[in-house]
C-alpha atoms as a PDB file:
ATOM      1  CA  MET A   1      -0.113  -0.199   0.043  1.00  0.00           C
ATOM      2  CA  LYS A   2       1.403   3.197  -0.826  1.00  0.00           C
ATOM      3  CA  GLN A   3       0.350   6.979  -0.014  1.00  0.00           C
ATOM      4  CA  LYS A   4      -3.169   7.471  -0.450  1.00  0.00           C
ATOM      5  CA  GLU A   5      -4.116   9.685  -3.476  1.00  0.00           C
ATOM      6  CA  GLY A   6      -5.202  13.248  -2.513  1.00  0.00           C
ATOM      7  CA  GLN A   7      -4.323  13.089   0.975  1.00  0.00           C
ATOM      8  CA  ASN A   8      -1.545  14.741   2.831  1.00  0.00           C
ATOM      9  CA  VAL A   9       1.026  12.966   4.834  1.00  0.00           C
ATOM     10  CA  LYS A  10       2.977  14.691   7.042  1.00  0.00           C
ATOM     11  CA  LYS A  11       6.547  14.513   7.326  1.00  0.00           C
ATOM     12  CA  LEU A  12       8.656  13.845  10.427  1.00  0.00           C
ATOM     13  CA  ASP A  13      12.613  14.611   9.537  1.00  0.00           C
ATOM     14  CA  VAL A  14      14.595  13.113  12.749  1.00  0.00           C
ATOM     15  CA  ARG A  15      18.005  12.509  10.273  1.00  0.00           C
ATOM     16  CA  GLY A  16      20.455  12.301  12.557  1.00  0.00           C
ATOM     17  CA  ALA A  17      19.023  10.943  15.303  1.00  0.00           C
ATOM     18  CA  LYS A  18      19.731   7.558  16.909  1.00  0.00           C
ATOM     19  CA  CYS A  19      17.434   4.664  18.255  1.00  0.00           C
ATOM     20  CA  PRO A  20      15.000   4.975  20.146  1.00  0.00           C
ATOM     21  CA  ILE A  21      14.652   8.888  18.980  1.00  0.00           C
ATOM     22  CA  PRO A  22      12.701   8.398  15.685  1.00  0.00           C
ATOM     23  CA  ILE A  23      10.459   5.963  17.308  1.00  0.00           C
ATOM     24  CA  ILE A  24       9.598   7.996  20.680  1.00  0.00           C
ATOM     25  CA  LYS A  25       8.972  11.336  17.931  1.00  0.00           C
ATOM     26  CA  ALA A  26       7.106   8.844  15.270  1.00  0.00           C
ATOM     27  CA  LYS A  27       4.626   7.605  18.320  1.00  0.00           C
ATOM     28  CA  LYS A  28       4.329  11.027  19.607  1.00  0.00           C
ATOM     29  CA  GLU A  29       3.491  12.370  16.185  1.00  0.00           C
ATOM     30  CA  MET A  30       1.034   9.489  15.479  1.00  0.00           C
ATOM     31  CA  ASP A  31      -0.868  10.060  19.078  1.00  0.00           C
ATOM     32  CA  SER A  32      -2.017  13.244  17.763  1.00  0.00           C
ATOM     33  CA  MET A  33      -3.539  12.258  14.117  1.00  0.00           C
ATOM     34  CA  ALA A  34      -6.718  11.024  13.512  1.00  0.00           C
ATOM     35  CA  PRO A  35      -7.457   7.066  11.897  1.00  0.00           C
ATOM     36  CA  GLY A  36      -6.148   7.199   8.323  1.00  0.00           C
ATOM     37  CA  GLU A  37      -3.931   9.939   8.260  1.00  0.00           C
ATOM     38  CA  GLN A  38      -0.192   9.016   7.355  1.00  0.00           C
ATOM     39  CA  LEU A  39       3.307   9.940   8.588  1.00  0.00           C
ATOM     40  CA  GLU A  40       6.215   9.905   6.113  1.00  0.00           C
ATOM     41  CA  VAL A  41       9.493   9.352   8.563  1.00  0.00           C
ATOM     42  CA  LEU A  42      13.038  10.149   7.726  1.00  0.00           C
ATOM     43  CA  SER A  43      15.905   8.730   9.309  1.00  0.00           C
ATOM     44  CA  THR A  44      19.308   8.474   8.579  1.00  0.00           C
ATOM     45  CA  ASP A  45      19.897   5.564  11.020  1.00  0.00           C
ATOM     46  CA  PRO A  46      20.165   2.368   9.334  1.00  0.00           C
ATOM     47  CA  GLY A  47      18.409   0.579  12.906  1.00  0.00           C
ATOM     48  CA  SER A  48      15.508   2.185  12.255  1.00  0.00           C
ATOM     49  CA  VAL A  49      14.609  -0.090   9.589  1.00  0.00           C
ATOM     50  CA  PRO A  50      13.749  -3.522  11.407  1.00  0.00           C
ATOM     51  CA  ASP A  51      13.067  -0.642  14.548  1.00  0.00           C
ATOM     52  CA  PHE A  52      10.024   0.151  12.583  1.00  0.00           C
ATOM     53  CA  GLN A  53       9.026  -3.460  11.871  1.00  0.00           C
ATOM     54  CA  GLY A  54       9.185  -3.918  15.304  1.00  0.00           C
ATOM     55  CA  TRP A  55       7.427  -1.416  16.393  1.00  0.00           C
ATOM     56  CA  VAL A  56       4.259  -2.197  14.227  1.00  0.00           C
ATOM     57  CA  LYS A  57       3.832  -5.303  15.402  1.00  0.00           C
ATOM     58  CA  VAL A  58       3.580  -4.012  19.078  1.00  0.00           C
ATOM     59  CA  ASN A  59       1.418  -0.970  18.507  1.00  0.00           C
ATOM     60  CA  LYS A  60      -1.770  -2.149  17.163  1.00  0.00           C
ATOM     61  CA  LYS A  61      -2.927   1.977  16.135  1.00  0.00           C
ATOM     62  CA  ALA A  62      -0.239   2.053  13.421  1.00  0.00           C
ATOM     63  CA  ALA A  63       0.991   0.213   9.925  1.00  0.00           C
ATOM     64  CA  LEU A  64       3.948   0.662   8.252  1.00  0.00           C
ATOM     65  CA  THR A  65       2.886   1.050   4.583  1.00  0.00           C
ATOM     66  CA  SER A  66       6.160   0.881   2.978  1.00  0.00           C
ATOM     67  CA  GLN A  67       9.705   1.282   3.560  1.00  0.00           C
ATOM     68  CA  ARG A  68      12.154   2.784   0.911  1.00  0.00           C
ATOM     69  CA  THR A  69      15.953   3.894   1.064  1.00  0.00           C
ATOM     70  CA  GLU A  70      16.770   7.430  -0.541  1.00  0.00           C
ATOM     71  CA  LYS A  71      19.825   9.414  -1.120  1.00  0.00           C
ATOM     72  CA  ASP A  72      19.816  12.623  -0.140  1.00  0.00           C
ATOM     73  CA  GLU A  73      21.723  15.948  -1.207  1.00  0.00           C
ATOM     74  CA  THR A  74      24.936  15.201   0.145  1.00  0.00           C
ATOM     75  CA  GLY A  75      25.085  11.512  -0.686  1.00  0.00           C
ATOM     76  CA  ARG A  76      24.058   9.720   2.390  1.00  0.00           C
ATOM     77  CA  ASP A  77      21.722   7.027   2.879  1.00  0.00           C
ATOM     78  CA  VAL A  78      18.037   8.066   3.954  1.00  0.00           C
ATOM     79  CA  TYR A  79      15.357   5.640   5.034  1.00  0.00           C
ATOM     80  CA  VAL A  80      11.824   6.159   4.497  1.00  0.00           C
ATOM     81  CA  HIS A  81       8.978   4.879   6.392  1.00  0.00           C
ATOM     82  CA  LEU A  82       5.559   5.495   5.435  1.00  0.00           C
ATOM     83  CA  LEU A  83       3.397   4.732   8.697  1.00  0.00           C
ATOM     84  CA  GLU A  84      -0.487   5.270   8.808  1.00  0.00           C
ATOM     85  CA  ARG A  85      -2.961   5.744  11.960  1.00  0.00           C
ATOM     86  CA  LEU A  86      -5.001   2.778  12.352  1.00  0.00           C
ATOM     87  CA  SER A  87      -7.540   3.501  15.457  1.00  0.00           C
END
């Protein structure tokens, strides 16, 4: 499942932060969102990939709809996690 058509996606930039900061900030943001809203998290921590996969298994209010890796303007890997608020 990808970004929903015509829907605003909130962005959370946690580049430079190490575990567990990306998860903590994402959870805080997700708690303020309505069901169906999406949050795109940008992280430079490679550990964020398995961290988000594990987090959504125990958090029944969030789904991980996609993960991808991009390069930023400096050539660093940026891990992009797309989350959706479930309930």
